[in-house]
């Protein structure tokens, strides 16, 4: 059985952080350019409802706002040790 061919990445995609990219709908292969996940991982996480996404008729898409939310969801904040209490 031949492997499934991924859809090509469209040219001149707006960045998710740009005003025109906020509501632009990216395919998983396109969203993977900005996220630390493969297109397959993104689709599986979306089907499992682990990450925000847009479901248009059983097809997974990610808006720029979704991509930014996923980035924030997996951002690890530094641990700040509390100041030592005076004895």
Protein backbone atom coordinates (compact mmCIF):
# COMPACT_ATOMS: atom_id res chain seq x y z
CA UNK A 1 0.00 0.00 0.00
CA UNK A 2 1.46 3.34 -1.05
CA UNK A 3 1.82 6.04 1.63
CA UNK A 4 -0.72 8.86 1.53
CA UNK A 5 0.57 12.00 -0.08
CA UNK A 6 0.38 15.13 2.06
CA UNK A 7 -1.23 18.22 0.55
CA UNK A 8 1.30 20.78 -0.64
CA UNK A 9 2.00 23.86 1.45
CA UNK A 10 0.49 26.94 -0.17
CA UNK A 11 2.77 29.83 -1.09
CA UNK A 12 2.82 33.24 0.62
CA UNK A 13 1.17 32.12 3.83
CA UNK A 14 0.59 34.93 6.33
CA UNK A 15 2.30 34.47 9.68
CA UNK A 16 -0.12 33.45 12.47
CA UNK A 17 0.95 36.48 14.48
CA UNK A 18 0.07 38.93 11.69
CA UNK A 19 -3.36 40.61 11.54
CA UNK A 20 -4.26 38.77 8.31
CA UNK A 21 -3.00 35.46 9.75
CA UNK A 22 -5.17 35.54 12.88
CA UNK A 23 -8.27 34.27 11.07
CA UNK A 24 -6.52 32.57 8.14
CA UNK A 25 -7.15 28.79 8.07
CA UNK A 26 -4.01 26.64 7.85
CA UNK A 27 -3.92 22.97 6.94
CA UNK A 28 -2.06 20.73 9.41
CA UNK A 29 0.95 20.58 7.06
CA UNK A 30 1.04 24.39 7.07
CA UNK A 31 0.47 24.76 10.82
CA UNK A 32 3.34 22.34 11.44
CA UNK A 33 5.71 24.97 10.04
CA UNK A 34 5.14 27.08 13.17
CA UNK A 35 4.64 24.36 15.78
CA UNK A 36 6.88 21.66 17.27
CA UNK A 37 4.58 18.90 15.99
CA UNK A 38 4.26 17.08 12.69
CA UNK A 39 1.11 17.42 10.63
CA UNK A 40 0.07 13.91 11.71
CA UNK A 41 0.59 14.72 15.39
CA UNK A 42 -1.47 17.89 15.03
CA UNK A 43 -4.32 16.02 13.36
CA UNK A 44 -4.29 13.28 16.01
CA UNK A 45 -4.24 15.83 18.85
CA UNK A 46 -7.09 17.74 17.21
CA UNK A 47 -9.22 14.58 16.79
CA UNK A 48 -8.55 13.77 20.46
CA UNK A 49 -9.62 17.33 21.36
CA UNK A 50 -6.26 18.03 23.05
CA UNK A 51 -5.57 21.26 21.16
CA UNK A 52 -7.73 24.08 19.78
CA UNK A 53 -8.66 23.74 16.11
CA UNK A 54 -11.37 24.43 13.53
CA UNK A 55 -13.46 21.47 12.33
CA UNK A 56 -15.04 22.32 9.00
CA UNK A 57 -17.06 19.31 7.93
CA UNK A 58 -14.77 16.65 9.39
CA UNK A 59 -11.66 18.39 8.05
CA UNK A 60 -9.12 19.81 10.49
CA UNK A 61 -7.87 23.37 10.10
CA UNK A 62 -5.97 25.72 12.41
CA UNK A 63 -6.51 29.46 12.54
CA UNK A 64 -3.63 31.77 13.41
CA UNK A 65 -5.27 32.26 16.80
CA UNK A 66 -5.33 28.46 17.28
CA UNK A 67 -1.62 28.23 16.45
CA UNK A 68 -0.83 30.97 18.94
CA UNK A 69 -2.97 29.23 21.61
CA UNK A 70 -1.19 25.91 21.01
CA UNK A 71 2.16 27.64 21.31
CA UNK A 72 1.07 29.18 24.61
CA UNK A 73 -0.33 25.83 25.82
CA UNK A 74 3.04 24.10 25.38
CA UNK A 75 5.24 26.98 26.56
CA UNK A 76 7.09 26.13 29.75
CA UNK A 77 7.49 29.05 32.11
CA UNK A 78 10.68 29.33 34.17
CA UNK A 79 10.44 28.33 37.80
CA UNK A 80 11.10 31.24 40.16
CA UNK A 81 12.30 30.15 43.54
CA UNK A 82 10.66 32.09 46.34
CA UNK A 83 12.93 34.48 48.23
CA UNK A 84 14.30 33.04 51.43
CA UNK A 85 12.37 34.07 54.46
CA UNK A 86 14.33 36.07 57.01
CA UNK A 87 14.93 33.98 60.11
